Amino acid sequence: MMTTLILAESSLTKVPYDLKKNDLLRKSYEKFYGKFYDVLDINALPHRMRYTLGPKEGRPDVVHRALLAVTDHPLFRQGAIKLYIHTVDGRVFLVSRKIKPPRNYVRFLGLMAQLLERGWVGLNKDKALIKEISTSLKDIIEGSAVFIEERGRYMEPFSFLRDVGWRRATFFIGCFPHGDFSYEVRKLKNYSLSLYKGILSSSISISMLLTYMHYLEVWFPEKE
């Protein structure tokens, strides 16, 4: 039995075609990262282009930190977490438990550019470390769909996790810098939980959530 974790509406997309042709943009990417990577990153955009982005676009660094937070955690290393990346433009990727994401951000951009272009990364497609899957977000939900968000119910997390059956539930954590879950994603929700009376980053939310689960798994198994 595995817990499903979805990095929802992740700020991970290719550079729009009209911007990709802009020489100024390419020079700006080369200045920041040494070469052009086909991953939309607001930090590498010329200032005048930044205002054209939506509130959930251009922040692959949020996804990078979130991915490290998941894959560093003991629960993931033990094979207890099934991980998906859902992008803001609707693509769905399955992440292998064997993945070791690069800690260097530039190397991560290179990996993501490859992923967004061909749909997989790894030695080959059959044994891909991350691969795109042709399915809807709704179809990968197992058990109850729990949204971790500021507007959720703030309560003692251990009781909540037990009540929803966390080992067979699906948890949504937004991987975007600003805004809220879209209507299309939000309508999948069964429960909503807040881990803190305030704003948390995606990576901190992941660390807190998985650590609560880890404590339940290791220290209080008889209460499950």
Protein backbone atom coordinates (compact mmCIF):
# COMPACT_ATOMS: atom_id res chain seq x y z
CA MET A 1 0.00 0.00 0.00
CA MET A 2 1.47 3.35 -1.08
CA THR A 3 0.65 6.98 -0.47
CA THR A 4 0.24 9.01 -3.65
CA LEU A 5 1.75 12.49 -3.77
CA ILE A 6 1.02 14.90 -6.63
CA LEU A 7 3.06 18.05 -7.19
CA ALA A 8 0.09 19.84 -8.72
CA GLU A 9 0.07 22.61 -11.33
CA SER A 10 3.84 22.65 -11.21
CA SER A 11 5.51 25.73 -12.67
CA LEU A 12 7.34 23.68 -15.28
CA THR A 13 6.79 24.46 -18.97
CA LYS A 14 8.73 25.06 -22.15
CA VAL A 15 9.47 28.60 -23.28
CA PRO A 16 6.55 29.87 -25.41
CA TYR A 17 7.34 29.74 -29.13
CA ASP A 18 7.05 33.49 -29.67
CA LEU A 19 9.55 34.18 -26.88
CA LYS A 20 11.90 31.40 -27.95
CA LYS A 21 12.66 33.22 -31.20
CA ASN A 22 13.74 36.37 -29.34
CA ASP A 23 17.52 36.90 -29.47
CA LEU A 24 17.44 39.03 -26.32
CA LEU A 25 15.86 36.17 -24.38
CA ARG A 26 18.43 33.67 -25.59
CA LYS A 27 21.28 35.99 -24.64
CA SER A 28 19.74 36.49 -21.20
CA TYR A 29 19.55 32.69 -20.65
CA GLU A 30 23.16 32.33 -21.78
CA LYS A 31 24.22 35.06 -19.36
CA PHE A 32 22.51 33.35 -16.42
CA TYR A 33 23.08 29.67 -17.21
CA GLY A 34 25.78 29.46 -19.86
CA LYS A 35 23.36 28.25 -22.56
CA PHE A 36 19.72 28.36 -23.54
CA TYR A 37 17.48 25.80 -21.83
CA ASP A 38 13.96 25.35 -23.16
CA VAL A 39 12.42 25.72 -19.71
CA LEU A 40 10.52 28.89 -18.86
CA ASP A 41 12.39 30.57 -15.99
CA ILE A 42 11.46 34.08 -14.92
CA ASN A 43 14.89 34.66 -13.39
CA ALA A 44 16.54 34.39 -16.81
CA LEU A 45 13.99 36.53 -18.66
CA PRO A 46 14.68 40.16 -19.56
CA HIS A 47 12.69 42.36 -17.17
CA ARG A 48 10.20 43.57 -19.76
CA MET A 49 9.22 39.99 -20.59
CA ARG A 50 8.52 38.98 -17.00
CA TYR A 51 5.24 40.87 -16.89
CA THR A 52 3.78 38.67 -19.63
CA LEU A 53 3.81 35.56 -17.42
CA GLY A 54 0.89 34.21 -15.45
CA PRO A 55 1.13 33.83 -11.64
CA LYS A 56 1.97 30.11 -11.91
CA GLU A 57 4.49 30.34 -14.75
CA GLY A 58 8.26 30.58 -14.89
CA ARG A 59 9.34 29.13 -11.53
CA PRO A 60 10.95 25.72 -12.11
CA ASP A 61 13.07 26.42 -9.01
CA VAL A 62 9.93 25.78 -6.93
CA VAL A 63 9.63 22.35 -8.56
CA HIS A 64 13.33 21.66 -8.02
CA ARG A 65 13.13 22.29 -4.28
CA ALA A 66 9.91 20.30 -3.98
CA LEU A 67 11.36 17.34 -5.84
CA LEU A 68 14.41 17.33 -3.58
CA ALA A 69 12.18 17.53 -0.49
CA VAL A 70 10.28 14.42 -1.57
CA THR A 71 13.17 12.30 -2.79
CA ASP A 72 15.35 13.12 0.23
CA HIS A 73 12.70 11.89 2.63
CA PRO A 74 12.96 8.40 4.20
CA LEU A 75 9.39 7.50 3.18
CA PHE A 76 10.23 7.99 -0.50
CA ARG A 77 13.51 6.10 -0.21
CA GLN A 78 11.63 3.22 1.44
CA GLY A 79 9.23 3.02 -1.50
CA ALA A 80 6.20 4.23 0.44
CA ILE A 81 5.44 7.22 -1.84
CA LYS A 82 4.16 7.15 -5.41
CA LEU A 83 5.13 10.51 -6.89
CA TYR A 84 3.67 12.42 -9.82
CA ILE A 85 4.45 15.82 -11.30
CA HIS A 86 1.42 17.55 -12.80
CA THR A 87 2.32 20.71 -14.73
CA VAL A 88 0.39 23.94 -15.00
CA ASP A 89 -0.31 23.17 -18.66
CA GLY A 90 -1.78 19.76 -17.81
CA ARG A 91 1.00 17.26 -18.48
CA VAL A 92 1.40 14.36 -16.04
CA PHE A 93 4.74 12.68 -15.25
CA LEU A 94 5.42 9.60 -13.13
CA VAL A 95 8.62 9.76 -11.05
CA SER A 96 10.60 6.57 -10.40
CA ARG A 97 11.62 5.79 -6.82
CA LYS A 98 15.16 5.29 -8.20
CA ILE A 99 15.58 8.92 -9.15
CA LYS A 100 18.27 11.09 -7.56
CA PRO A 101 17.54 14.61 -8.80
CA PRO A 102 20.55 16.86 -9.42
CA ARG A 103 21.10 19.32 -6.60
CA ASN A 104 22.71 21.80 -8.93
CA TYR A 105 19.94 23.96 -10.39
CA VAL A 106 21.54 24.35 -13.83
CA ARG A 107 21.84 20.58 -14.18
CA PHE A 108 18.20 20.32 -13.12
CA LEU A 109 17.20 22.74 -15.89
CA GLY A 110 19.02 20.59 -18.40
CA LEU A 111 17.19 17.51 -17.18
CA MET A 112 13.81 19.28 -17.30
CA ALA A 113 14.47 20.62 -20.80
CA GLN A 114 15.03 17.04 -21.94
CA LEU A 115 11.92 15.84 -20.10
CA LEU A 116 9.65 18.52 -21.56
CA GLU A 117 10.99 17.93 -25.06
CA ARG A 118 10.81 14.14 -25.35
CA GLY A 119 8.62 13.16 -22.41
CA TRP A 120 11.12 11.07 -20.45
CA VAL A 121 14.60 11.12 -18.91
CA GLY A 122 16.88 8.22 -18.05
CA LEU A 123 18.97 5.58 -19.78
CA ASN A 124 16.04 4.53 -21.95
CA LYS A 125 12.30 5.03 -22.19
CA ASP A 126 11.43 1.67 -20.63
CA LYS A 127 13.48 2.40 -17.52
CA ALA A 128 12.91 6.15 -17.40
CA LEU A 129 13.50 8.00 -14.14
CA ILE A 130 10.67 10.36 -15.03
CA LYS A 131 8.22 9.72 -17.84
CA GLU A 132 5.09 11.32 -19.20
CA ILE A 133 1.94 9.24 -18.91
CA SER A 134 -1.19 9.56 -21.02
CA THR A 135 -3.80 9.85 -18.32
CA SER A 136 -5.91 12.47 -16.62
CA LEU A 137 -5.20 13.83 -13.17
CA LYS A 138 -8.44 12.27 -11.95
CA ASP A 139 -7.34 8.78 -13.01
CA ILE A 140 -4.20 8.72 -10.84
CA ILE A 141 -6.02 9.52 -7.61
CA GLU A 142 -6.05 6.67 -5.10
CA GLY A 143 -8.45 6.83 -2.16
CA SER A 144 -9.35 10.26 -0.81
CA ALA A 145 -7.91 13.39 -2.45
CA VAL A 146 -6.41 15.64 0.23
CA PHE A 147 -5.27 19.17 -0.60
CA ILE A 148 -2.52 20.67 1.54
CA GLU A 149 -3.18 24.41 1.48
CA GLU A 150 -3.35 27.55 3.58
CA ARG A 151 -7.17 27.72 3.34
CA GLY A 152 -7.54 24.13 4.57
CA ARG A 153 -8.71 22.98 7.98
CA TYR A 154 -6.06 23.62 10.62
CA MET A 155 -6.09 20.68 13.01
CA GLU A 156 -3.95 18.08 14.73
CA PRO A 157 -2.39 16.28 11.76
CA PHE A 158 -1.94 12.79 13.21
CA SER A 159 -5.64 12.28 13.84
CA PHE A 160 -6.49 13.69 10.43
CA LEU A 161 -4.05 11.39 8.64
CA ARG A 162 -5.39 8.35 10.47
CA ASP A 163 -8.99 9.31 9.69
CA VAL A 164 -8.42 9.70 5.93
CA GLY A 165 -6.36 6.51 5.71
CA TRP A 166 -3.15 8.23 4.63
CA ARG A 167 -1.46 5.06 3.35
CA ARG A 168 -4.02 4.73 0.57
CA ALA A 169 -4.84 8.43 0.03
CA THR A 170 -3.65 11.00 -2.53
CA PHE A 171 -2.14 14.30 -1.40
CA PHE A 172 -1.99 17.40 -3.59
CA ILE A 173 0.68 20.05 -2.99
CA GLY A 174 0.76 23.06 -5.29
CA CYS A 175 4.14 23.67 -6.92
CA PHE A 176 3.57 27.22 -8.09
CA PRO A 177 4.79 30.52 -6.59
CA HIS A 178 1.53 32.45 -6.33
CA GLY A 179 -2.22 31.99 -6.51
CA ASP A 180 -4.44 29.05 -5.73
CA PHE A 181 -5.39 25.71 -7.24
CA SER A 182 -7.42 26.12 -10.41
CA TYR A 183 -11.09 25.20 -10.49
CA GLU A 184 -10.37 22.15 -12.66
CA VAL A 185 -7.94 20.78 -10.07
CA ARG A 186 -9.87 21.91 -6.99
CA LYS A 187 -13.01 20.02 -8.01
CA LEU A 188 -11.11 16.76 -7.39
CA LYS A 189 -10.76 17.58 -3.67
CA ASN A 190 -12.29 15.48 -0.89
CA TYR A 191 -10.49 17.07 2.05
CA SER A 192 -8.36 20.14 2.69
CA LEU A 193 -5.69 20.39 5.40
CA SER A 194 -3.60 23.32 6.59
CA LEU A 195 -0.28 22.55 8.29
CA TYR A 196 0.35 26.08 9.53
CA LYS A 197 -1.58 29.29 10.17
CA GLY A 198 0.16 31.11 7.38
CA ILE A 199 1.92 30.64 4.05
CA LEU A 200 4.34 27.76 3.59
CA SER A 201 6.58 26.97 0.66
CA SER A 202 5.87 23.79 -1.28
CA SER A 203 9.09 22.17 -0.07
CA ILE A 204 8.38 22.89 3.61
CA SER A 205 4.81 21.62 3.26
CA ILE A 206 6.13 18.40 1.75
CA SER A 207 8.73 17.94 4.48
CA MET A 208 6.18 18.51 7.25
CA LEU A 209 3.54 16.25 5.71
CA LEU A 210 5.88 13.33 5.03
CA THR A 211 7.48 13.65 8.46
CA TYR A 212 4.06 13.40 10.16
CA MET A 213 3.45 10.25 8.12
CA HIS A 214 6.87 8.91 9.04
CA TYR A 215 6.20 9.39 12.75
CA LEU A 216 2.91 7.52 12.43
CA GLU A 217 4.61 4.72 10.52
CA VAL A 218 7.57 4.30 12.87
CA TRP A 219 6.38 5.30 16.33
CA PHE A 220 2.64 4.62 16.39
CA PRO A 221 1.98 1.67 14.07
CA GLU A 222 -0.30 0.00 16.61
CA LYS A 223 -2.72 2.91 16.40
CA GLU A 224 -3.25 2.59 12.68
